[in-house]
Amino acid sequence: MNPLPSGAPAAGTPPTHSLRRRLVLGLALATCVLWGVVGWWRVGVLQAELEAMLDERLVASAKMVASIVHQFQPAAQPGAGGAPSPDDAAHLDSLIARDGVACEVSLVRSEVEVLPLARTGDAPAHSTLGAPGFGHVTKGGKAWRTYVLQDGELRVATADRLDQRAQLAQSAMRSLVLTFAVALAGVWLLVWWLVGRGLRPLAALGRELRARQPRADTPVQAGRDVRELAPLVASLNALLARARSAIEHERRWTADAAHELRTPLTAIKTQVQVAQMALAAPGRAVLADAALADALRGIAHLHGTLEQLLDLARLESTDPAAGAHTTQGPELLQALELALQQSTQRAQDERGDASPIALRHVPDDPAAWQDVRLAVPPALVTSAAGNLLDNALRHHRGDAPVECTLALLRWPGQPHGAVELRVRDHGPGLSEEECAQATQRFWRKGASSSGGSGLGLTLVQRIAESAGGTLVLEPADPGLCARLRWPVQTGALPPEGAIP
């Protein structure tokens, strides 16, 4: 049992991470930062605008009071000593207090003589003594923002308490922050709802996958019309297709292997029974020896079939991109020599003799093969060459040798060239249609009289494909020609040409 990877939740453990929560928290953080920066900027702007508005209010109030005093002044000419009468002063007080701004009105007789005319009750005393324009005074322990307007001999001073201004600013800021907070909470709720709606196709995909039967291999439909989910669904359907193909492949492989192995097992069982009966009867030793010899040949055939099945299964379960070993030029020549020796020995063991094999290298100089490298291990080179030679020796006829040629080629489509192993026999051969079927598992021409397992050419083709190569079977006159070609990874090649 494989242990769970570090950090992976156990089966049945509820998930601890929520994509919806992450999206909402991320958007909430982004909106908080953005709105915080905008709010901080707007607070500064609002404070400046509020100060400017209150200052404009002081200016407007001073001008309005000055206009009222000018309208009232002809009826309130100063009497003795230049002071207005008490009734006129009271009437002027009521007029300047209408605007709600603290105000003081004075007449300037000289640089040292300032005569107060009227003042609201909350206005700071002697505020008209300041220089014209804006200023700050402190009266009675309270700070004031003042504006002094001088129009001839008339001076009008308007004032606002700074603490009241601060309260007004705080009230405005509080209202602004509250509005921002309510709006932000509304945005978070809206984002939570929208993210939930946006993730509905993903939830639908999860529901469809949970509802699928274990053996269901039909394509997934949910999410195919969503742009963001379409690549995921396409990859998932491709995975299901590969799994379906692999399961069907294994099912056929199992059925074919069971059918192929049943025949030699039945033959072995029959021959052993014949041997038992022969041994039980007197004078039947020759028959028993023949039966046991047939049983041994069946066991050898069964053993070879199982070996090829294991090699094929091992090769098909290996990832070609996992970084297989390579074969250098000298190793390639040694692997071919080893395959020739093993095939000759197997042919002698099976049939008592073996046809000669004519081996040649193109070019013949071993130095030309020094830098050649194939993306396939030497053991697989030996296996592929051995299966081709076994097939040729099994079907070869006549006195001519089996031709085996190893050549370096360079083609326009191959920047580094290719290595081609050509094996030709002079047997009955195959037609073009039979050549196309010969690489299928357990395929054999006619019945099973040839003695082969029907896996050799399949294994060779798979070995070729694992390194980007090809296997081509061609009818010869007479016989069959097999061309196994692998691309060369690097290396110096002979001049461009073909095998003669």
Protein backbone atom coordinates (compact mmCIF):
# COMPACT_ATOMS: atom_id res chain seq x y z
CA MET A 1 0.00 0.00 0.00
CA ASN A 2 1.37 3.38 -0.97
CA PRO A 3 1.43 5.89 1.89
CA LEU A 4 -0.38 9.13 1.48
CA PRO A 5 1.84 12.03 0.39
CA SER A 6 2.72 14.60 2.97
CA GLY A 7 -0.08 17.09 3.42
CA ALA A 8 -2.67 14.97 1.59
CA PRO A 9 -6.00 14.53 3.41
CA ALA A 10 -7.02 11.00 4.28
CA ALA A 11 -9.99 9.40 2.57
CA GLY A 12 -13.26 10.62 4.04
CA THR A 13 -11.66 13.67 5.63
CA PRO A 14 -13.68 16.81 4.85
CA PRO A 15 -11.77 19.41 2.83
CA THR A 16 -10.28 22.25 4.84
CA HIS A 17 -9.77 24.69 1.98
CA SER A 18 -12.60 26.53 0.24
CA LEU A 19 -12.08 28.06 -3.19
CA ARG A 20 -15.12 30.25 -2.64
CA ARG A 21 -13.78 31.51 0.68
CA ARG A 22 -10.39 32.22 -0.85
CA LEU A 23 -11.90 34.16 -3.73
CA VAL A 24 -14.15 36.19 -1.45
CA LEU A 25 -11.36 36.91 1.05
CA GLY A 26 -9.03 37.90 -1.76
CA LEU A 27 -11.60 40.23 -3.29
CA ALA A 28 -12.50 41.60 0.14
CA LEU A 29 -8.85 42.34 0.89
CA ALA A 30 -8.43 43.98 -2.50
CA THR A 31 -11.56 46.12 -2.03
CA CYS A 32 -10.51 47.06 1.51
CA VAL A 33 -7.10 48.22 0.34
CA LEU A 34 -8.51 50.05 -2.66
CA TRP A 35 -11.38 51.64 -0.78
CA GLY A 36 -9.08 52.47 2.13
CA VAL A 37 -6.73 54.38 -0.16
CA VAL A 38 -9.66 56.12 -1.87
CA GLY A 39 -11.29 56.85 1.50
CA TRP A 40 -8.06 58.28 2.95
CA TRP A 41 -7.70 60.50 -0.10
CA ARG A 42 -11.35 61.56 0.03
CA VAL A 43 -11.11 62.38 3.76
CA GLY A 44 -8.23 64.74 3.08
CA VAL A 45 -10.09 66.34 0.19
CA LEU A 46 -13.28 66.61 2.22
CA GLN A 47 -11.48 68.25 5.12
CA ALA A 48 -9.88 70.79 2.81
CA GLU A 49 -13.22 71.45 1.10
CA LEU A 50 -14.96 71.80 4.48
CA GLU A 51 -12.35 74.28 5.72
CA ALA A 52 -12.64 76.24 2.49
CA MET A 53 -16.44 76.25 2.73
CA LEU A 54 -16.42 77.51 6.34
CA ASP A 55 -13.88 80.21 5.44
CA GLU A 56 -16.08 81.28 2.53
CA ARG A 57 -18.98 81.39 4.97
CA LEU A 58 -17.00 83.76 7.20
CA VAL A 59 -16.17 86.00 4.22
CA ALA A 60 -19.78 85.97 2.97
CA SER A 61 -21.11 86.76 6.45
CA ALA A 62 -18.65 89.65 6.91
CA LYS A 63 -19.63 91.15 3.55
CA MET A 64 -23.31 90.75 4.31
CA VAL A 65 -22.94 92.43 7.72
CA ALA A 66 -20.93 95.26 6.16
CA SER A 67 -23.68 95.80 3.59
CA ILE A 68 -26.33 95.86 6.33
CA VAL A 69 -24.32 98.33 8.40
CA HIS A 70 -23.86 100.63 5.39
CA GLN A 71 -27.61 100.60 4.81
CA PHE A 72 -28.27 101.29 8.47
CA GLN A 73 -25.50 103.88 9.02
CA PRO A 74 -27.30 107.07 7.69
CA ALA A 75 -30.07 106.65 10.27
CA ALA A 76 -27.59 105.96 13.04
CA GLN A 77 -25.14 108.82 12.74
CA PRO A 78 -23.16 109.09 15.93
CA GLY A 79 -24.30 111.68 18.41
CA ALA A 80 -22.09 113.32 20.88
CA GLY A 81 -18.81 111.57 21.09
CA GLY A 82 -19.65 109.48 17.97
CA ALA A 83 -21.52 106.71 19.85
CA PRO A 84 -24.85 105.42 18.51
CA SER A 85 -27.90 105.52 20.65
CA PRO A 86 -28.83 102.45 22.72
CA ASP A 87 -31.83 101.70 20.55
CA ASP A 88 -29.76 101.91 17.39
CA ALA A 89 -27.12 99.62 18.88
CA ALA A 90 -29.74 97.05 19.92
CA HIS A 91 -31.34 97.16 16.50
CA LEU A 92 -27.89 96.66 14.85
CA ASP A 93 -27.16 93.71 17.17
CA SER A 94 -30.33 91.97 16.05
CA LEU A 95 -29.47 92.52 12.39
CA ILE A 96 -25.92 91.11 12.49
CA ALA A 97 -26.98 88.10 14.57
CA ARG A 98 -29.33 86.75 11.90
CA ASP A 99 -26.60 84.85 10.00
CA GLY A 100 -25.70 82.65 12.96
CA VAL A 101 -21.99 83.52 12.75
CA ALA A 102 -20.19 85.21 15.65
CA CYS A 103 -19.59 88.79 14.55
CA GLU A 104 -18.25 92.12 15.80
CA VAL A 105 -18.66 95.54 14.09
CA SER A 106 -16.43 98.54 14.89
CA LEU A 107 -15.57 102.01 13.59
CA VAL A 108 -11.97 102.96 13.22
CA ARG A 109 -11.49 106.65 14.00
CA SER A 110 -7.76 106.58 14.02
CA GLU A 111 -4.94 104.13 14.36
CA VAL A 112 -5.47 104.00 18.10
CA GLU A 113 -9.22 104.65 18.39
CA VAL A 114 -11.59 101.80 17.59
CA LEU A 115 -15.24 102.29 18.47
CA PRO A 116 -17.31 99.03 18.80
CA LEU A 117 -20.77 99.39 17.25
CA ALA A 118 -22.31 95.94 17.77
CA ARG A 119 -21.34 92.35 18.65
CA THR A 120 -23.13 89.06 18.91
CA GLY A 121 -23.15 87.54 22.32
CA ASP A 122 -20.83 84.62 21.49
CA ALA A 123 -18.32 86.63 19.44
CA PRO A 124 -14.80 87.11 20.88
CA ALA A 125 -14.37 90.67 22.13
CA HIS A 126 -12.01 93.02 20.25
CA SER A 127 -11.72 90.63 17.31
CA THR A 128 -11.76 93.64 14.98
CA LEU A 129 -8.39 94.71 16.31
CA GLY A 130 -6.64 92.07 14.21
CA ALA A 131 -5.21 92.69 10.80
CA PRO A 132 -7.58 92.41 7.83
CA GLY A 133 -7.96 88.86 6.48
CA PHE A 134 -7.97 85.45 8.16
CA GLY A 135 -6.43 84.82 11.53
CA HIS A 136 -6.66 82.92 14.80
CA VAL A 137 -7.45 84.34 18.25
CA THR A 138 -7.90 82.78 21.64
CA LYS A 139 -10.51 84.30 23.94
CA GLY A 140 -11.83 82.82 27.14
CA GLY A 141 -9.72 79.70 26.69
CA LYS A 142 -11.27 78.92 23.29
CA ALA A 143 -9.61 79.12 19.89
CA TRP A 144 -11.34 80.95 17.06
CA ARG A 145 -10.91 81.19 13.33
CA THR A 146 -11.55 84.86 12.38
CA TYR A 147 -11.94 86.95 9.28
CA VAL A 148 -11.61 90.76 9.46
CA LEU A 149 -13.11 92.88 6.68
CA GLN A 150 -12.24 96.60 6.55
CA ASP A 151 -14.41 98.94 4.45
CA GLY A 152 -13.30 102.49 5.01
CA GLU A 153 -13.75 103.27 8.70
CA LEU A 154 -15.92 100.20 9.13
CA ARG A 155 -14.43 96.92 10.37
CA VAL A 156 -16.38 93.68 10.50
CA ALA A 157 -14.94 90.57 12.15
CA THR A 158 -16.61 87.15 11.78
CA ALA A 159 -15.44 84.09 13.72
CA ASP A 160 -15.96 80.34 14.15
CA ARG A 161 -14.88 78.27 17.12
CA LEU A 162 -12.27 75.71 16.09
CA ASP A 163 -13.70 72.99 18.35
CA GLN A 164 -17.06 73.36 16.65
CA ARG A 165 -15.35 73.12 13.30
CA ALA A 166 -13.63 69.95 14.48
CA GLN A 167 -16.93 68.47 15.62
CA LEU A 168 -18.46 69.29 12.25
CA ALA A 169 -15.52 67.62 10.47
CA GLN A 170 -15.76 64.57 12.73
CA SER A 171 -19.46 64.29 12.03
CA ALA A 172 -18.82 64.46 8.28
CA MET A 173 -16.00 61.87 8.55
CA ARG A 174 -18.18 59.60 10.67
CA SER A 175 -20.93 59.77 8.11
CA LEU A 176 -18.46 59.08 5.30
CA VAL A 177 -16.85 56.10 7.10
CA LEU A 178 -20.23 54.65 7.98
CA THR A 179 -21.33 54.94 4.37
CA PHE A 180 -18.12 53.27 3.20
CA ALA A 181 -18.49 50.46 5.77
CA VAL A 182 -22.10 49.74 4.81
CA ALA A 183 -21.23 49.82 1.12
CA LEU A 184 -18.21 47.55 1.69
CA ALA A 185 -20.29 45.03 3.63
CA GLY A 186 -22.83 45.07 0.81
CA VAL A 187 -20.06 44.50 -1.73
CA TRP A 188 -18.74 41.52 0.28
CA LEU A 189 -22.17 39.93 0.43
CA LEU A 190 -22.69 40.56 -3.27
CA VAL A 191 -19.28 39.08 -4.09
CA TRP A 192 -20.04 36.01 -1.94
CA TRP A 193 -23.29 35.49 -3.83
CA LEU A 194 -21.73 36.11 -7.26
CA VAL A 195 -18.79 33.79 -6.56
CA GLY A 196 -21.25 31.10 -5.49
CA ARG A 197 -23.16 31.51 -8.74
CA GLY A 198 -19.91 31.57 -10.72
CA LEU A 199 -18.80 28.27 -9.15
CA ARG A 200 -22.05 26.49 -9.93
CA PRO A 201 -20.62 24.81 -13.07
CA LEU A 202 -17.79 23.42 -10.93
CA ALA A 203 -20.32 22.11 -8.41
CA ALA A 204 -22.32 20.58 -11.26
CA LEU A 205 -19.16 18.89 -12.51
CA GLY A 206 -18.54 17.46 -9.04
CA ARG A 207 -22.11 16.16 -8.80
CA GLU A 208 -21.85 14.48 -12.20
CA LEU A 209 -18.58 12.80 -11.26
CA ARG A 210 -19.98 11.61 -7.92
CA ALA A 211 -23.05 10.17 -9.65
CA ARG A 212 -21.03 8.23 -12.24
CA GLN A 213 -20.86 4.47 -11.99
CA PRO A 214 -17.40 2.92 -11.43
CA ARG A 215 -17.36 1.37 -14.90
CA ALA A 216 -18.80 4.39 -16.72
CA ASP A 217 -16.45 5.65 -19.43
CA THR A 218 -18.70 8.07 -21.32
CA PRO A 219 -17.40 11.64 -21.72
CA VAL A 220 -18.18 14.16 -18.99
CA GLN A 221 -20.73 16.75 -20.10
CA ALA A 222 -20.83 19.27 -17.22
CA GLY A 223 -18.65 22.33 -17.73
CA ARG A 224 -17.99 21.83 -21.44
CA ASP A 225 -19.72 25.14 -22.27
CA VAL A 226 -17.72 27.12 -19.67
CA ARG A 227 -14.55 28.63 -21.07
CA GLU A 228 -12.53 28.21 -17.86
CA LEU A 229 -13.71 24.63 -17.25
CA ALA A 230 -13.57 23.43 -20.85
CA PRO A 231 -9.79 22.62 -20.75
CA LEU A 232 -10.25 20.72 -17.48
CA VAL A 233 -13.22 18.76 -18.83
CA ALA A 234 -11.35 18.06 -22.08
CA SER A 235 -8.35 16.75 -20.13
CA LEU A 236 -10.64 14.66 -17.94
CA ASN A 237 -12.40 13.19 -20.97
CA ALA A 238 -9.03 12.47 -22.58
CA LEU A 239 -7.96 10.70 -19.38
CA LEU A 240 -11.19 8.67 -19.40
CA ALA A 241 -10.60 7.79 -23.05
CA ARG A 242 -7.07 6.63 -22.29
CA ALA A 243 -8.32 4.64 -19.31
CA ARG A 244 -11.06 3.10 -21.48
CA SER A 245 -8.51 2.23 -24.14
CA ALA A 246 -6.14 0.76 -21.56
CA ILE A 247 -8.90 -1.33 -19.98
CA GLU A 248 -10.07 -2.58 -23.36
CA HIS A 249 -6.47 -3.26 -24.33
CA GLU A 250 -5.87 -5.28 -21.16
CA ARG A 251 -9.16 -7.11 -21.64
CA ARG A 252 -8.21 -8.16 -25.16
CA TRP A 253 -4.68 -8.97 -24.03
CA THR A 254 -5.97 -11.20 -21.24
CA ALA A 255 -8.42 -12.96 -23.54
CA ASP A 256 -5.80 -13.51 -26.24
CA ALA A 257 -3.18 -14.68 -23.75
CA ALA A 258 -5.62 -17.11 -22.12
CA HIS A 259 -6.58 -18.51 -25.53
CA GLU A 260 -2.95 -18.77 -26.63
CA LEU A 261 -1.77 -20.45 -23.44
CA ARG A 262 -4.65 -22.95 -23.36
CA THR A 263 -3.40 -24.78 -26.47
CA PRO A 264 0.12 -25.71 -25.24
CA LEU A 265 -1.22 -26.57 -21.79
CA THR A 266 -3.79 -28.93 -23.33
CA ALA A 267 -1.11 -30.50 -25.50
CA ILE A 268 1.20 -30.97 -22.52
CA LYS A 269 -1.60 -32.56 -20.52
CA THR A 270 -2.41 -34.93 -23.37
CA GLN A 271 1.22 -35.95 -23.91
CA VAL A 272 1.74 -36.59 -20.21
CA GLN A 273 -1.40 -38.81 -20.14
CA VAL A 274 -0.11 -40.72 -23.16
CA ALA A 275 3.23 -41.18 -21.44
CA GLN A 276 1.51 -42.47 -18.31
CA MET A 277 -0.49 -44.99 -20.27
CA ALA A 278 2.57 -46.06 -22.24
CA LEU A 279 4.61 -46.56 -19.10
CA ALA A 280 1.81 -48.62 -17.60
CA ALA A 281 1.79 -51.01 -20.59
CA PRO A 282 4.77 -53.31 -21.23
CA GLY A 283 6.85 -52.66 -24.36
CA ARG A 284 5.61 -49.14 -24.90
CA ALA A 285 8.75 -47.25 -23.77
CA VAL A 286 9.33 -45.73 -27.23
CA LEU A 287 5.85 -44.23 -27.25
CA ALA A 288 6.38 -42.85 -23.74
CA ASP A 289 9.69 -41.25 -24.75
CA ALA A 290 8.05 -39.60 -27.76
CA ALA A 291 5.18 -38.29 -25.63
CA LEU A 292 7.53 -36.90 -23.04
CA ALA A 293 9.65 -35.26 -25.77
CA ASP A 294 6.51 -33.61 -27.16
CA ALA A 295 5.59 -32.48 -23.65
CA LEU A 296 9.04 -30.92 -23.20
CA ARG A 297 8.69 -29.09 -26.51
CA GLY A 298 5.29 -27.82 -25.39
CA ILE A 299 6.75 -26.66 -22.09
CA ALA A 300 9.55 -24.86 -23.95
CA HIS A 301 7.02 -23.21 -26.23
CA LEU A 302 4.90 -22.21 -23.25
CA HIS A 303 7.98 -20.86 -21.45
CA GLY A 304 8.97 -18.77 -24.49
CA THR A 305 5.45 -17.42 -24.84
CA LEU A 306 5.34 -16.44 -21.18
CA GLU A 307 8.74 -14.75 -21.45
CA GLN A 308 7.59 -12.69 -24.41
CA LEU A 309 4.34 -11.82 -22.65
CA LEU A 310 6.28 -10.61 -19.64
CA ASP A 311 8.67 -8.60 -21.82
CA LEU A 312 5.78 -7.03 -23.70
CA ALA A 313 3.88 -6.19 -20.50
CA ARG A 314 7.04 -4.75 -18.92
CA LEU A 315 7.76 -2.64 -21.99
CA GLU A 316 4.20 -1.32 -22.33
CA SER A 317 4.11 -0.33 -18.66
CA THR A 318 7.27 1.77 -19.01
CA ASP A 319 6.99 5.49 -19.69
CA PRO A 320 9.08 6.33 -22.80
CA ALA A 321 9.71 9.84 -21.44
CA ALA A 322 11.14 8.55 -18.15
CA GLY A 323 14.69 8.74 -19.43
CA ALA A 324 15.61 5.26 -20.76
CA HIS A 325 19.22 4.11 -21.11
CA THR A 326 20.95 4.69 -24.41
CA THR A 327 23.03 2.43 -26.62
CA GLN A 328 26.36 3.68 -27.97
CA GLY A 329 27.79 2.50 -31.29
CA PRO A 330 30.08 -0.26 -29.95
CA GLU A 331 27.31 -1.50 -27.65
CA LEU A 332 24.96 -1.62 -30.65
CA LEU A 333 27.34 -3.90 -32.55
CA GLN A 334 27.80 -6.12 -29.50
CA ALA A 335 24.03 -6.34 -28.93
CA LEU A 336 23.52 -7.45 -32.53
CA GLU A 337 26.25 -10.10 -32.24
CA LEU A 338 24.65 -11.41 -29.04
CA ALA A 339 21.22 -11.58 -30.71
CA LEU A 340 22.71 -13.55 -33.63
CA GLN A 341 24.31 -16.08 -31.27
CA GLN A 342 21.16 -16.52 -29.18
CA SER A 343 18.89 -16.94 -32.22
CA THR A 344 21.23 -19.52 -33.78
CA GLN A 345 21.31 -21.47 -30.51
CA ARG A 346 17.52 -21.39 -30.16
CA ALA A 347 17.05 -22.61 -33.73
CA GLN A 348 19.42 -25.54 -33.10
CA ASP A 349 17.64 -26.43 -29.87
CA GLU A 350 14.18 -26.34 -31.50
CA ARG A 351 14.87 -27.88 -34.92
CA GLY A 352 18.31 -29.50 -34.62
CA ASP A 353 19.91 -27.17 -37.17
CA ALA A 354 20.04 -23.50 -38.03
CA SER A 355 20.37 -21.74 -41.35
CA PRO A 356 23.47 -19.58 -41.73
CA ILE A 357 23.17 -15.84 -41.14
CA ALA A 358 25.12 -13.35 -43.28
CA LEU A 359 25.83 -10.30 -41.12
CA ARG A 360 27.30 -7.09 -42.48
CA HIS A 361 27.72 -3.50 -41.33
CA VAL A 362 27.39 -0.43 -43.54
CA PRO A 363 29.86 1.21 -43.13
CA ASP A 364 32.16 -1.65 -42.18
CA ASP A 365 34.63 0.55 -40.27
CA PRO A 366 33.93 0.29 -36.48
CA ALA A 367 35.23 3.86 -36.01
CA ALA A 368 32.23 5.17 -37.98
CA TRP A 369 29.91 3.79 -35.28
CA GLN A 370 31.81 5.31 -32.37
CA ASP A 371 29.61 8.41 -31.89
CA VAL A 372 26.27 6.80 -32.76
CA ARG A 373 23.75 6.79 -29.93
CA LEU A 374 20.22 5.33 -29.81
CA ALA A 375 17.58 6.13 -27.18
CA VAL A 376 17.01 2.45 -26.36
CA PRO A 377 18.85 0.14 -23.90
CA PRO A 378 21.19 -2.54 -25.31
CA ALA A 379 19.00 -5.31 -23.86
CA LEU A 380 16.03 -4.13 -25.94
CA VAL A 381 18.23 -3.91 -29.04
CA THR A 382 19.20 -7.54 -28.48
CA SER A 383 15.57 -8.52 -27.90
CA ALA A 384 14.32 -6.78 -31.04
CA ALA A 385 17.09 -8.14 -33.26
CA GLY A 386 16.67 -11.61 -31.74
CA ASN A 387 12.96 -11.73 -32.47
CA LEU A 388 13.51 -10.67 -36.07
CA LEU A 389 16.20 -13.32 -36.52
CA ASP A 390 14.07 -15.99 -34.80
CA ASN A 391 11.20 -15.23 -37.16
CA ALA A 392 13.49 -15.34 -40.19
CA LEU A 393 15.18 -18.63 -39.16
CA ARG A 394 11.82 -20.22 -38.42
CA HIS A 395 10.46 -19.57 -41.94
CA HIS A 396 13.69 -19.64 -43.98
CA ARG A 397 13.97 -22.12 -46.85
CA GLY A 398 16.80 -23.09 -49.15
CA ASP A 399 20.57 -22.96 -48.95
CA ALA A 400 21.00 -19.17 -49.16
CA PRO A 401 21.83 -17.54 -45.82
CA VAL A 402 19.49 -15.24 -43.91
CA GLU A 403 20.55 -11.69 -44.68
CA CYS A 404 21.12 -9.36 -41.68
CA THR A 405 22.37 -5.83 -42.42
CA LEU A 406 23.01 -2.99 -39.96
CA ALA A 407 23.43 0.39 -41.66
CA LEU A 408 23.81 4.08 -40.87
CA LEU A 409 21.51 6.24 -42.99
CA ARG A 410 20.94 9.93 -43.44
CA TRP A 411 17.65 11.24 -44.77
CA PRO A 412 16.25 14.77 -45.34
CA GLY A 413 13.73 14.22 -42.54
CA GLN A 414 16.34 13.03 -40.04
CA PRO A 415 18.87 15.73 -39.04
CA HIS A 416 21.11 13.17 -37.29
CA GLY A 417 20.28 10.21 -39.48
CA ALA A 418 19.01 6.77 -38.53
CA VAL A 419 20.17 3.24 -37.80
CA GLU A 420 18.42 0.54 -39.79
CA LEU A 421 18.49 -3.19 -39.13
CA ARG A 422 17.32 -5.19 -42.14
CA VAL A 423 16.58 -8.94 -41.86
CA ARG A 424 15.51 -10.96 -44.91
CA ASP A 425 14.66 -14.62 -45.22
CA HIS A 426 13.87 -16.74 -48.28
CA GLY A 427 10.77 -18.47 -46.96
CA PRO A 428 7.15 -18.37 -48.17
CA GLY A 429 6.83 -14.72 -47.13
CA LEU A 430 3.69 -12.65 -46.55
CA SER A 431 1.37 -10.63 -48.73
CA GLU A 432 0.96 -6.88 -48.19
CA GLU A 433 -2.29 -7.46 -46.30
CA GLU A 434 -0.62 -10.08 -44.09
CA CYS A 435 2.32 -7.74 -43.45
CA ALA A 436 -0.12 -5.19 -42.08
CA GLN A 437 -1.59 -7.81 -39.70
CA ALA A 438 1.64 -9.51 -38.66
CA THR A 439 2.40 -7.08 -35.81
CA GLN A 440 -0.89 -7.80 -34.05
CA ARG A 441 -0.72 -9.89 -30.88
CA PHE A 442 -0.86 -13.67 -31.41
CA TRP A 443 -1.29 -13.32 -35.15
CA ARG A 444 0.23 -16.16 -37.18
CA LYS A 445 -0.16 -17.06 -40.79
CA GLY A 446 -2.55 -19.98 -41.18
CA ALA A 447 -2.67 -22.25 -38.14
CA SER A 448 -0.09 -22.64 -35.43
CA SER A 449 2.20 -24.89 -37.41
CA SER A 450 5.14 -22.49 -37.38
CA GLY A 451 5.71 -22.95 -33.67
CA GLY A 452 5.88 -19.26 -32.88
CA SER A 453 3.84 -17.49 -30.25
CA GLY A 454 2.68 -14.60 -32.45
CA LEU A 455 4.26 -12.05 -30.10
CA GLY A 456 7.72 -11.55 -31.55
CA LEU A 457 6.89 -8.92 -34.18
CA THR A 458 4.53 -7.18 -31.75
CA LEU A 459 7.37 -6.88 -29.26
CA VAL A 460 9.75 -5.59 -31.94
CA GLN A 461 7.29 -2.92 -33.04
CA ARG A 462 6.76 -1.78 -29.45
CA ILE A 463 10.54 -1.59 -28.87
CA ALA A 464 10.89 0.49 -32.03
CA GLU A 465 8.11 2.89 -31.04
CA SER A 466 9.54 3.33 -27.52
CA ALA A 467 12.58 5.07 -29.07
CA GLY A 468 10.77 6.90 -31.87
CA GLY A 469 11.54 4.23 -34.45
CA THR A 470 9.51 2.18 -36.93
CA LEU A 471 9.14 -1.42 -38.05
CA VAL A 472 8.24 -2.05 -41.68
CA LEU A 473 7.49 -5.49 -43.14
CA GLU A 474 7.79 -5.86 -46.91
CA PRO A 475 7.14 -8.84 -49.19
CA ALA A 476 10.36 -10.04 -50.84
CA ASP A 477 10.79 -12.32 -53.81
CA PRO A 478 11.13 -14.76 -52.23
CA GLY A 479 10.67 -14.39 -48.50
CA LEU A 480 10.01 -11.47 -46.18
CA CYS A 481 12.11 -8.35 -45.48
CA ALA A 482 11.84 -6.65 -42.06
CA ARG A 483 13.26 -3.12 -41.64
CA LEU A 484 13.74 -1.90 -38.07
CA ARG A 485 14.80 1.76 -37.95
CA TRP A 486 15.73 4.01 -35.00
CA PRO A 487 16.64 7.72 -35.19
CA VAL A 488 20.19 8.59 -34.16
CA GLN A 489 20.50 11.03 -31.29
CA THR A 490 23.93 12.44 -32.15
CA GLY A 491 26.97 11.37 -34.14
CA ALA A 492 28.90 11.75 -37.34
CA LEU A 493 27.29 9.92 -40.22
CA PRO A 494 28.57 8.65 -43.55
CA PRO A 495 27.69 10.46 -46.80
CA GLU A 496 24.01 10.53 -47.60
CA GLY A 497 22.82 7.34 -49.18
CA ALA A 498 20.80 4.15 -48.82
CA ILE A 499 21.48 0.52 -48.22
CA PRO A 500 22.47 -1.20 -51.46
